[in-house]
């Protein structure tokens, strides 16, 4: 058997652009982003230079949790379009050299899903979920004390029905958890995978990938108990080995949302017969600190090496405070538990750091995920409290600002109503949003969009070769990668003073200008030829 071709290995070093359809572009003027809007912007995405698009759930949904409450995996939500439009989008993107990944949510479904509706009616479908009698003299207490998966929420993960039984939902009551010990659940999801692979998708992102399997006894939660009653259970690996067989039949790939502190257990999901890749949350949540970033990079590379899996790098997604805002704060890390209203932010500082972080992440070996609007340098928007829609806000009792701030509809055209998004957006755009419009940035060689376009054009030269750290002053990250035409260098200055550049033969790209002495200023990154 010969070596895999570059086309087969595209995912090992791809730049994958995350499309949150609801907020990307509105093609029909109703204020909600849709597939028509995405199709119209495919030339923009091709010019940006991305290899693939990952779509957040676009399926039929009551939208109680931004589409992660799925009522039917084989139907596109009418707010977004039709299945025929999705097929056209997949095909048209492919013609431009852009692959498509869809999002599968296997842990739970919507309470409007036919299975759950039948279960509520007392049918045998109850076996497909976790229904239990309550505790207490009259069954008035939940079956166990598991905590909610929504950060900051003290609400129970059980909801009682009029007949006295309770059902499990690690997230909202509108998202009942499936019983993955039941063969019908496994069969249905494998058929869903085939359904989308048959329609030309190149891969699947797996939501909450480590939560599917539950201890059948549903015991009370005990901190530190091993195995955990519902996180990272060994039964998961048999599920994903079965999924891998399906994906291999279509040359499809998986990326898992796997939040695990144990690096050895994390790597198990990336064995050659399981998932291809998994998201790297250590790097995403890391503060803007040279030592912490280097540790995160080293640990990420080390945990992937034993299984030969490529790393993934991401600065932001649809759940996380936007990079420009986060890096402009005193605390530049990310933790759901510390999100708060009215956190002071220096956007100029955050933008300078976000530009440097873009070059850092794009120079690392592996794949990069780019959340829509990051290439425009969008800040986190402050949503008026009466317009917040995210259930995370409400389940926190109103203390958590939620995730809507990174989901505000994109600005496309500066002089058009609603910055060219379409109709009046489903989330309000802040005043001054048009200053970030793509058409303005495309004409400005110093813009964030121009930086990303230039970086993505150069990035293939880095390939998928190893990283070698170079000697550098404290607070400076410097490393070399083998390029197509000799060695390539990346230098990022997080120290308080400018730093000299290492010996090099050419200058490729900088996140900002050098100082008059040719040194690299604070919070600036460069790519050099070695």
Protein backbone atom coordinates (compact mmCIF):
# COMPACT_ATOMS: atom_id res chain seq x y z
CA UNK A 1 0.00 0.00 0.00
CA UNK A 2 1.39 3.39 -0.98
CA UNK A 3 1.67 6.48 1.17
CA UNK A 4 -1.46 8.64 1.50
CA UNK A 5 -1.55 11.51 -0.96
CA UNK A 6 -1.70 15.16 0.08
CA UNK A 7 -5.36 15.22 -0.95
CA UNK A 8 -6.07 12.36 1.44
CA UNK A 9 -4.12 14.10 4.21
CA UNK A 10 -5.63 17.56 3.63
CA UNK A 11 -7.03 17.65 7.17
CA UNK A 12 -3.60 17.36 8.81
CA UNK A 13 -2.65 20.96 7.98
CA UNK A 14 -5.95 22.53 6.87
CA UNK A 15 -7.36 25.93 7.74
CA UNK A 16 -11.02 25.27 8.55
CA UNK A 17 -13.41 28.21 8.77
CA UNK A 18 -16.26 27.93 11.26
CA UNK A 19 -19.60 29.16 9.89
CA UNK A 20 -22.27 30.02 12.45
CA UNK A 21 -24.97 30.22 9.77
CA UNK A 22 -27.43 32.28 11.77
CA UNK A 23 -24.95 35.17 11.90
CA UNK A 24 -22.90 34.81 8.73
CA UNK A 25 -24.96 36.39 5.92
CA UNK A 26 -28.69 36.86 5.37
CA UNK A 27 -29.73 36.04 1.80
CA UNK A 28 -33.49 36.58 2.07
CA UNK A 29 -33.61 39.71 4.23
CA UNK A 30 -35.40 38.24 7.24
CA UNK A 31 -32.57 39.04 9.67
CA UNK A 32 -31.36 35.45 10.08
CA UNK A 33 -28.30 34.17 8.28
CA UNK A 34 -29.01 31.38 5.82
CA UNK A 35 -27.49 29.04 3.24
CA UNK A 36 -28.28 31.47 0.43
CA UNK A 37 -26.17 34.05 2.25
CA UNK A 38 -23.29 31.60 2.61
CA UNK A 39 -23.47 30.59 -1.06
CA UNK A 40 -23.30 34.26 -2.09
CA UNK A 41 -20.15 34.71 0.04
CA UNK A 42 -18.30 31.63 -1.18
CA UNK A 43 -16.01 33.79 -3.40
CA UNK A 44 -15.03 35.75 -0.27
CA UNK A 45 -14.13 32.53 1.53
CA UNK A 46 -12.18 31.26 -1.48
CA UNK A 47 -10.23 34.54 -1.63
CA UNK A 48 -9.56 34.33 2.10
CA UNK A 49 -7.84 31.03 1.36
CA UNK A 50 -9.52 28.52 3.68
CA UNK A 51 -9.50 24.79 2.95
CA UNK A 52 -12.83 23.81 4.48
CA UNK A 53 -15.96 25.13 6.16
CA UNK A 54 -17.34 23.75 9.41
CA UNK A 55 -21.02 24.52 9.83
CA UNK A 56 -22.62 24.72 13.24
CA UNK A 57 -25.88 22.73 13.29
CA UNK A 58 -28.13 23.76 10.41
CA UNK A 59 -30.81 21.14 11.11
CA UNK A 60 -34.46 21.50 12.03
CA UNK A 61 -34.48 22.91 15.56
CA UNK A 62 -36.60 24.96 17.98
CA UNK A 63 -33.37 26.94 18.59
CA UNK A 64 -33.51 26.70 22.36
CA UNK A 65 -29.71 26.37 22.33
CA UNK A 66 -28.58 27.88 19.05
CA UNK A 67 -29.41 24.78 17.00
CA UNK A 68 -27.72 22.29 19.31
CA UNK A 69 -31.20 21.03 20.12
CA UNK A 70 -31.83 19.00 16.95
CA UNK A 71 -35.31 17.84 16.00
CA UNK A 72 -34.36 16.16 12.70
CA UNK A 73 -30.85 15.56 11.35
CA UNK A 74 -32.05 15.00 7.79
CA UNK A 75 -33.94 18.28 7.45
CA UNK A 76 -32.44 21.77 7.13
CA UNK A 77 -34.16 24.27 9.39
CA UNK A 78 -36.47 26.44 7.24
CA UNK A 79 -34.84 29.57 8.71
CA UNK A 80 -31.65 28.52 6.90
CA UNK A 81 -33.04 26.99 3.70
CA UNK A 82 -33.61 23.51 2.33
CA UNK A 83 -31.73 20.25 1.95
CA UNK A 84 -31.42 20.97 -1.78
CA UNK A 85 -29.72 24.28 -0.96
CA UNK A 86 -27.34 22.53 1.43
CA UNK A 87 -26.42 20.07 -1.33
CA UNK A 88 -25.82 22.98 -3.73
CA UNK A 89 -23.68 24.73 -1.15
CA UNK A 90 -21.56 21.62 -0.57
CA UNK A 91 -21.10 21.17 -4.33
CA UNK A 92 -20.38 24.85 -5.08
CA UNK A 93 -17.84 25.08 -2.28
CA UNK A 94 -16.14 21.94 -3.57
CA UNK A 95 -15.84 23.52 -7.03
CA UNK A 96 -13.89 26.34 -5.35
CA UNK A 97 -11.62 23.85 -3.60
CA UNK A 98 -13.39 24.19 -0.24
CA UNK A 99 -14.56 21.11 1.66
CA UNK A 100 -17.51 20.97 4.06
CA UNK A 101 -17.80 19.65 7.62
CA UNK A 102 -21.13 19.32 9.42
CA UNK A 103 -21.83 19.31 13.14
CA UNK A 104 -23.33 16.24 14.81
CA UNK A 105 -24.76 16.46 18.35
CA UNK A 106 -24.89 12.85 19.58
CA UNK A 107 -25.32 13.41 23.33
CA UNK A 108 -28.86 14.73 23.12
CA UNK A 109 -31.72 15.74 20.83
CA UNK A 110 -34.44 18.36 21.01
CA UNK A 111 -37.49 17.67 23.12
CA UNK A 112 -39.35 18.13 19.82
CA UNK A 113 -37.56 15.16 18.23
CA UNK A 114 -40.05 12.42 17.24
CA UNK A 115 -38.36 9.92 19.53
CA UNK A 116 -38.81 12.11 22.59
CA UNK A 117 -42.35 13.07 21.69
CA UNK A 118 -43.17 9.35 21.48
CA UNK A 119 -41.40 8.80 24.80
CA UNK A 120 -43.50 11.50 26.45
CA UNK A 121 -46.57 9.65 25.22
CA UNK A 122 -45.37 6.60 27.12
CA UNK A 123 -44.10 4.63 24.15
CA UNK A 124 -41.18 2.18 24.07
CA UNK A 125 -38.99 5.09 22.89
CA UNK A 126 -38.46 5.85 26.58
CA UNK A 127 -35.71 3.24 26.43
CA UNK A 128 -33.81 5.57 24.05
CA UNK A 129 -33.45 8.17 26.83
CA UNK A 130 -32.76 8.13 30.57
CA UNK A 131 -36.11 8.00 32.37
CA UNK A 132 -36.04 7.21 36.08
CA UNK A 133 -38.32 7.37 39.12
CA UNK A 134 -37.48 10.08 41.63
CA UNK A 135 -36.11 9.71 45.12
CA UNK A 136 -37.82 10.71 48.33
CA UNK A 137 -41.03 9.49 49.91
CA UNK A 138 -43.10 10.51 46.92
CA UNK A 139 -40.48 10.54 44.14
CA UNK A 140 -40.26 14.31 44.47
CA UNK A 141 -36.43 14.40 44.43
CA UNK A 142 -34.26 13.97 41.30
CA UNK A 143 -32.78 10.49 40.70
CA UNK A 144 -29.26 11.82 41.34
CA UNK A 145 -27.33 15.02 41.99
CA UNK A 146 -25.36 15.48 38.77
CA UNK A 147 -24.36 19.11 38.01
CA UNK A 148 -25.43 20.91 34.86
CA UNK A 149 -22.98 21.24 31.98
CA UNK A 150 -23.81 24.93 31.62
CA UNK A 151 -21.14 26.81 33.54
CA UNK A 152 -22.42 28.79 36.49
CA UNK A 153 -25.73 26.97 36.49
CA UNK A 154 -27.04 25.40 39.68
CA UNK A 155 -30.13 24.03 37.98
CA UNK A 156 -30.71 20.27 38.10
CA UNK A 157 -30.12 17.99 35.13
CA UNK A 158 -33.42 16.22 35.71
CA UNK A 159 -36.92 17.34 34.80
CA UNK A 160 -40.03 15.74 36.28
CA UNK A 161 -43.00 14.86 34.09
CA UNK A 162 -46.66 14.94 35.14
CA UNK A 163 -46.62 11.14 35.53
CA UNK A 164 -43.94 11.50 38.21
CA UNK A 165 -40.98 10.16 36.23
CA UNK A 166 -37.84 12.18 35.58
CA UNK A 167 -35.65 12.45 32.46
CA UNK A 168 -31.96 13.36 32.21
CA UNK A 169 -30.59 16.39 30.36
CA UNK A 170 -26.99 17.42 30.99
CA UNK A 171 -27.78 20.71 29.24
CA UNK A 172 -31.23 22.35 29.04
CA UNK A 173 -34.56 20.59 29.73
CA UNK A 174 -35.24 21.00 26.00
CA UNK A 175 -32.22 18.75 25.26
CA UNK A 176 -32.91 15.26 26.66
CA UNK A 177 -29.86 12.98 26.74
CA UNK A 178 -29.89 9.87 24.59
CA UNK A 179 -29.23 6.40 26.00
CA UNK A 180 -26.16 5.24 24.10
CA UNK A 181 -26.41 1.77 25.62
CA UNK A 182 -29.38 1.17 23.31
CA UNK A 183 -28.46 -0.27 19.88
CA UNK A 184 -31.10 1.81 18.09
CA UNK A 185 -29.32 5.01 19.15
CA UNK A 186 -26.04 3.78 17.71
CA UNK A 187 -27.65 2.57 14.50
CA UNK A 188 -29.49 5.85 13.95
CA UNK A 189 -26.34 7.95 14.30
CA UNK A 190 -24.35 5.78 11.93
CA UNK A 191 -27.16 6.18 9.39
CA UNK A 192 -27.04 9.97 9.93
CA UNK A 193 -23.30 9.93 9.23
CA UNK A 194 -23.88 8.01 5.99
CA UNK A 195 -26.68 10.41 5.03
CA UNK A 196 -24.34 13.40 5.12
CA UNK A 197 -21.29 11.65 3.69
CA UNK A 198 -23.50 10.60 0.76
CA UNK A 199 -24.22 14.29 0.20
CA UNK A 200 -20.58 15.13 -0.17
CA UNK A 201 -19.44 16.36 3.20
CA UNK A 202 -15.77 15.75 3.93
CA UNK A 203 -16.02 15.47 7.66
CA UNK A 204 -17.98 15.74 10.89
CA UNK A 205 -17.43 17.74 14.05
CA UNK A 206 -18.69 15.85 17.11
CA UNK A 207 -20.27 18.00 19.80
CA UNK A 208 -19.64 17.12 23.48
CA UNK A 209 -17.83 14.02 22.28
CA UNK A 210 -16.81 12.77 25.74
CA UNK A 211 -20.28 12.85 27.32
CA UNK A 212 -22.32 10.23 25.45
CA UNK A 213 -21.88 7.14 27.66
CA UNK A 214 -23.40 7.14 31.16
CA UNK A 215 -22.91 4.80 34.11
CA UNK A 216 -26.03 2.60 33.83
CA UNK A 217 -26.62 2.93 37.58
CA UNK A 218 -26.68 6.76 37.33
CA UNK A 219 -24.97 7.11 40.74
CA UNK A 220 -24.61 10.39 42.61
CA UNK A 221 -21.70 12.59 41.57
CA UNK A 222 -18.55 12.17 43.66
CA UNK A 223 -15.66 14.52 42.89
CA UNK A 224 -12.66 12.55 41.68
CA UNK A 225 -14.50 9.24 41.25
CA UNK A 226 -12.94 7.09 38.52
CA UNK A 227 -14.54 6.21 36.24
CA UNK A 228 -16.63 9.37 35.97
CA UNK A 229 -20.36 8.63 35.73
CA UNK A 230 -20.75 10.47 32.41
CA UNK A 231 -17.45 11.95 31.20
CA UNK A 232 -14.81 10.05 29.21
CA UNK A 233 -16.13 6.57 29.88
CA UNK A 234 -14.39 3.64 28.22
CA UNK A 235 -17.55 2.63 26.36
CA UNK A 236 -17.11 5.69 24.12
CA UNK A 237 -14.17 4.22 22.26
CA UNK A 238 -16.19 1.34 20.87
CA UNK A 239 -18.73 3.88 19.58
CA UNK A 240 -16.06 5.92 17.80
CA UNK A 241 -14.32 2.88 16.36
CA UNK A 242 -17.64 1.97 14.77
CA UNK A 243 -18.04 5.52 13.49
CA UNK A 244 -14.53 5.44 12.05
CA UNK A 245 -15.50 2.45 9.90
CA UNK A 246 -18.32 4.53 8.44
CA UNK A 247 -16.09 7.55 7.81
CA UNK A 248 -13.34 5.49 6.18
CA UNK A 249 -15.80 4.20 3.60
CA UNK A 250 -16.20 7.81 2.38
CA UNK A 251 -12.69 9.14 3.10
CA UNK A 252 -14.37 11.33 5.71
CA UNK A 253 -12.76 12.75 8.83
CA UNK A 254 -13.81 13.55 12.40
CA UNK A 255 -12.91 16.35 14.79
CA UNK A 256 -14.09 15.82 18.35
CA UNK A 257 -15.02 18.37 20.98
CA UNK A 258 -13.12 16.68 23.80
CA UNK A 259 -12.49 18.71 26.97
CA UNK A 260 -10.21 16.54 29.13
CA UNK A 261 -7.40 17.56 31.51
CA UNK A 262 -5.75 14.11 31.32
CA UNK A 263 -3.55 14.20 28.21
CA UNK A 264 -3.11 10.43 28.05
CA UNK A 265 -6.85 9.84 28.09
CA UNK A 266 -7.35 12.65 25.56
CA UNK A 267 -4.94 10.94 23.17
CA UNK A 268 -6.97 7.73 23.29
CA UNK A 269 -9.63 9.38 21.17
CA UNK A 270 -7.02 10.01 18.48
CA UNK A 271 -5.84 6.45 18.02
CA UNK A 272 -5.67 5.44 14.33
CA UNK A 273 -9.02 3.63 14.44
CA UNK A 274 -10.96 6.38 16.24
CA UNK A 275 -11.14 10.16 15.67
CA UNK A 276 -8.80 11.91 13.25
CA UNK A 277 -8.46 15.13 15.28
CA UNK A 278 -9.82 16.85 18.39
CA UNK A 279 -10.07 20.47 19.42
CA UNK A 280 -7.23 21.90 21.47
CA UNK A 281 -8.86 23.81 24.30
CA UNK A 282 -5.62 24.28 26.21
CA UNK A 283 -4.33 26.70 23.57
CA UNK A 284 -7.70 28.42 23.16
CA UNK A 285 -7.99 29.24 26.85
CA UNK A 286 -4.31 30.08 27.40
CA UNK A 287 -3.43 33.63 28.55
CA UNK A 288 -1.26 35.93 26.44
CA UNK A 289 1.91 34.87 28.25
CA UNK A 290 5.02 33.50 26.55
CA UNK A 291 5.74 30.80 29.12
CA UNK A 292 2.15 29.59 29.30
CA UNK A 293 1.79 29.55 25.52
CA UNK A 294 5.03 27.62 25.04
CA UNK A 295 3.93 25.08 27.65
CA UNK A 296 0.56 24.70 25.95
CA UNK A 297 2.23 24.20 22.56
CA UNK A 298 4.74 21.69 23.91
CA UNK A 299 2.12 19.70 25.80
CA UNK A 300 -0.22 19.68 22.82
CA UNK A 301 2.47 18.39 20.47
CA UNK A 302 3.58 15.80 23.04
CA UNK A 303 0.09 14.41 23.67
CA UNK A 304 -0.57 13.97 19.95
CA UNK A 305 2.80 12.46 19.08
CA UNK A 306 2.26 8.91 20.44
CA UNK A 307 -0.81 8.38 18.24
CA UNK A 308 0.49 10.24 15.19
CA UNK A 309 -2.47 12.61 15.13
CA UNK A 310 -2.15 16.22 13.97
CA UNK A 311 -2.76 18.99 16.44
CA UNK A 312 -5.47 21.62 16.08
CA UNK A 313 -5.14 25.27 17.01
CA UNK A 314 -7.99 27.69 17.63
CA UNK A 315 -8.22 31.13 19.22
CA UNK A 316 -11.99 31.51 19.41
CA UNK A 317 -15.28 29.80 18.58
CA UNK A 318 -19.04 30.33 18.93
CA UNK A 319 -18.87 29.73 22.70
CA UNK A 320 -15.81 31.80 23.59
CA UNK A 321 -15.10 35.51 24.11
CA UNK A 322 -13.65 36.94 20.90
CA UNK A 323 -9.86 37.13 20.75
CA UNK A 324 -9.57 40.91 20.33
CA UNK A 325 -11.61 41.49 23.47
CA UNK A 326 -10.05 38.74 25.56
CA UNK A 327 -6.50 39.81 24.79
CA UNK A 328 -7.34 43.39 25.70
CA UNK A 329 -8.27 42.50 29.27
CA UNK A 330 -6.24 42.17 32.44
CA UNK A 331 -7.04 38.44 32.49
CA UNK A 332 -6.26 37.30 28.94
CA UNK A 333 -7.16 33.64 29.50
CA UNK A 334 -10.60 32.15 29.07
CA UNK A 335 -12.76 30.39 31.62
CA UNK A 336 -16.54 30.08 31.45
CA UNK A 337 -16.71 30.45 35.23
CA UNK A 338 -15.14 33.94 35.18
CA UNK A 339 -17.26 35.55 32.46
CA UNK A 340 -18.90 38.72 33.75
CA UNK A 341 -20.65 41.84 32.53
CA UNK A 342 -18.80 45.16 32.16
CA UNK A 343 -15.25 43.75 32.08
CA UNK A 344 -12.87 46.56 31.01
CA UNK A 345 -11.14 45.99 27.68
CA UNK A 346 -8.41 47.84 25.74
CA UNK A 347 -9.42 47.03 22.16
CA UNK A 348 -6.31 48.58 20.60
CA UNK A 349 -4.09 46.37 22.75
CA UNK A 350 -6.30 43.35 22.13
CA UNK A 351 -6.21 43.91 18.38
CA UNK A 352 -2.41 44.16 18.34
CA UNK A 353 -2.13 40.91 20.28
CA UNK A 354 -4.78 39.18 18.18
CA UNK A 355 -2.83 40.01 15.02
CA UNK A 356 0.31 38.50 16.56
CA UNK A 357 -1.64 35.46 17.79
CA UNK A 358 -2.96 34.89 14.28
CA UNK A 359 0.57 34.52 12.92
CA UNK A 360 1.56 32.35 15.88
CA UNK A 361 -1.32 29.90 15.45
CA UNK A 362 -1.01 29.75 11.67
CA UNK A 363 2.70 28.92 11.90
CA UNK A 364 2.25 25.92 14.19
CA UNK A 365 2.19 22.36 12.82
CA UNK A 366 -1.28 20.91 12.38
CA UNK A 367 -4.70 22.27 11.47
CA UNK A 368 -6.17 25.67 12.38
CA UNK A 369 -9.82 26.49 13.02
CA UNK A 370 -10.84 30.08 12.26
CA UNK A 371 -14.14 31.33 13.69
CA UNK A 372 -16.09 33.63 11.40
CA UNK A 373 -15.34 37.29 12.01
CA UNK A 374 -11.95 36.68 13.58
CA UNK A 375 -10.44 37.57 10.22
CA UNK A 376 -12.20 40.93 10.56
CA UNK A 377 -10.87 41.52 14.07
CA UNK A 378 -14.37 41.73 15.51
CA UNK A 379 -14.59 42.44 19.25
CA UNK A 380 -17.02 40.77 21.62
CA UNK A 381 -20.28 42.73 21.39
CA UNK A 382 -22.13 43.87 24.48
CA UNK A 383 -25.71 42.68 24.05
CA UNK A 384 -28.43 44.67 25.84
CA UNK A 385 -29.80 42.48 28.60
CA UNK A 386 -33.30 42.53 27.15
CA UNK A 387 -31.95 41.16 23.84
CA UNK A 388 -29.85 38.27 25.17
CA UNK A 389 -31.04 34.90 23.88
CA UNK A 390 -28.40 32.45 25.12
CA UNK A 391 -29.76 29.95 27.69
CA UNK A 392 -26.41 30.06 29.51
CA UNK A 393 -27.31 33.59 30.64
CA UNK A 394 -30.74 32.63 31.96
CA UNK A 395 -29.59 29.42 33.63
CA UNK A 396 -26.96 31.42 35.54
CA UNK A 397 -29.65 33.60 37.05
CA UNK A 398 -28.58 36.49 34.83
CA UNK A 399 -25.00 36.78 36.10
CA UNK A 400 -23.31 35.22 33.05
CA UNK A 401 -23.44 37.45 29.94
CA UNK A 402 -23.75 34.32 27.81
CA UNK A 403 -22.30 33.61 24.40
CA UNK A 404 -24.31 35.95 22.20
CA UNK A 405 -21.53 38.54 22.19
CA UNK A 406 -19.42 36.45 19.80
CA UNK A 407 -22.43 35.54 17.66
CA UNK A 408 -23.45 39.00 16.42
CA UNK A 409 -24.11 39.03 12.63
CA UNK A 410 -21.11 39.92 10.49
CA UNK A 411 -20.53 43.32 8.86
CA UNK A 412 -20.01 43.02 5.10
CA UNK A 413 -20.62 46.43 3.52
CA UNK A 414 -19.91 49.62 5.41
CA UNK A 415 -22.51 51.89 3.76
CA UNK A 416 -25.35 49.35 3.59
CA UNK A 417 -28.14 48.93 6.17
CA UNK A 418 -27.11 46.63 8.99
CA UNK A 419 -23.55 46.70 7.60
CA UNK A 420 -24.64 44.59 4.63
CA UNK A 421 -25.70 41.55 6.68
CA UNK A 422 -29.23 41.59 5.22
CA UNK A 423 -32.40 42.33 7.16
CA UNK A 424 -32.52 43.62 10.74
CA UNK A 425 -30.26 41.10 12.52
CA UNK A 426 -31.61 38.62 15.05
CA UNK A 427 -28.99 39.98 17.47
CA UNK A 428 -28.32 43.74 17.49
CA UNK A 429 -25.09 44.97 15.92
CA UNK A 430 -23.25 47.51 18.10
CA UNK A 431 -22.85 51.09 16.95
CA UNK A 432 -19.73 51.42 14.84
CA UNK A 433 -19.98 47.80 13.61
CA UNK A 434 -19.72 48.98 9.99
CA UNK A 435 -16.14 50.13 10.67
CA UNK A 436 -15.20 46.42 10.63
CA UNK A 437 -16.94 45.74 7.31
CA UNK A 438 -15.24 43.32 4.95
CA UNK A 439 -15.39 45.72 1.99
CA UNK A 440 -13.47 48.40 3.91
CA UNK A 441 -10.88 45.93 5.12
CA UNK A 442 -10.37 44.38 1.69
CA UNK A 443 -9.24 47.80 0.43
CA UNK A 444 -6.90 48.40 3.39
CA UNK A 445 -3.53 46.58 3.21
CA UNK A 446 -3.07 47.14 6.95
CA UNK A 447 -6.38 45.59 8.00
CA UNK A 448 -6.93 42.35 9.89
CA UNK A 449 -8.56 40.84 6.80
CA UNK A 450 -5.55 41.68 4.66
CA UNK A 451 -3.25 40.15 7.28
CA UNK A 452 -5.23 36.89 7.30
CA UNK A 453 -5.38 36.75 3.50
CA UNK A 454 -1.61 37.23 3.26
CA UNK A 455 -0.93 34.69 5.99
CA UNK A 456 -3.18 32.02 4.47
CA UNK A 457 -1.50 32.51 1.11
CA UNK A 458 1.95 31.91 2.63
CA UNK A 459 0.96 29.24 5.14
CA UNK A 460 1.20 26.20 2.80
CA UNK A 461 4.95 26.78 2.73
CA UNK A 462 5.08 25.62 6.36
CA UNK A 463 3.66 22.21 5.47
CA UNK A 464 3.25 19.70 8.28
CA UNK A 465 6.84 19.41 9.46
CA UNK A 466 8.09 19.51 13.05
CA UNK A 467 8.68 22.56 15.23
CA UNK A 468 12.11 23.44 16.68
CA UNK A 469 12.38 26.11 19.36
CA UNK A 470 15.12 28.70 18.87
CA UNK A 471 17.07 30.55 21.56
CA UNK A 472 15.20 33.72 22.48
CA UNK A 473 15.05 36.31 25.29
CA UNK A 474 12.54 35.85 28.08
CA UNK A 475 9.06 36.69 26.89
CA UNK A 476 9.84 35.91 23.24
CA UNK A 477 8.68 32.82 21.36
CA UNK A 478 10.84 31.83 18.40
CA UNK A 479 10.72 28.60 16.43
CA UNK A 480 11.68 27.14 13.09
CA UNK A 481 9.72 24.91 10.74
CA UNK A 482 11.01 23.18 7.60
CA UNK A 483 9.55 24.96 4.57
CA UNK A 484 9.27 24.08 0.92
CA UNK A 485 12.24 26.31 0.13
CA UNK A 486 14.35 26.13 3.26
CA UNK A 487 13.68 26.87 6.89
CA UNK A 488 10.88 29.22 7.99
CA UNK A 489 10.93 31.12 11.27
CA UNK A 490 8.17 32.54 13.48
CA UNK A 491 9.03 35.05 16.19
CA UNK A 492 6.46 36.49 18.63
CA UNK A 493 7.42 39.17 21.12
CA UNK A 494 5.36 39.10 24.34
CA UNK A 495 8.06 40.89 26.35
CA UNK A 496 7.83 44.53 27.44
CA UNK A 497 10.65 45.75 25.19
CA UNK A 498 11.53 45.34 21.48
CA UNK A 499 13.68 42.36 20.57
CA UNK A 500 16.26 41.74 17.85
CA UNK A 501 15.30 39.34 15.09
CA UNK A 502 17.27 36.12 14.64
CA UNK A 503 19.49 35.76 11.60
CA UNK A 504 17.34 35.38 8.50
CA UNK A 505 17.50 35.66 4.74
CA UNK A 506 14.14 37.25 4.06
CA UNK A 507 11.05 38.86 5.60
CA UNK A 508 7.74 37.18 4.78
CA UNK A 509 5.04 38.83 6.89
CA UNK A 510 4.56 40.82 10.07
CA UNK A 511 1.57 41.45 12.29
CA UNK A 512 2.83 45.02 12.65
CA UNK A 513 5.80 47.16 11.57
CA UNK A 514 9.29 46.78 13.00
CA UNK A 515 10.67 49.66 15.03
CA UNK A 516 13.15 52.16 13.46
CA UNK A 517 16.08 49.97 14.57
CA UNK A 518 14.61 46.92 12.80
CA UNK A 519 13.58 45.26 16.07
CA UNK A 520 10.34 43.45 16.77
CA UNK A 521 8.06 45.54 19.02
CA UNK A 522 6.04 44.25 21.94
CA UNK A 523 2.93 42.20 21.01
CA UNK A 524 4.09 41.72 17.43
CA UNK A 525 4.90 38.61 15.39
CA UNK A 526 6.84 38.00 12.16
CA UNK A 527 7.43 35.20 9.69
CA UNK A 528 10.96 35.03 8.27
CA UNK A 529 12.97 32.89 5.90
CA UNK A 530 15.80 31.19 7.75
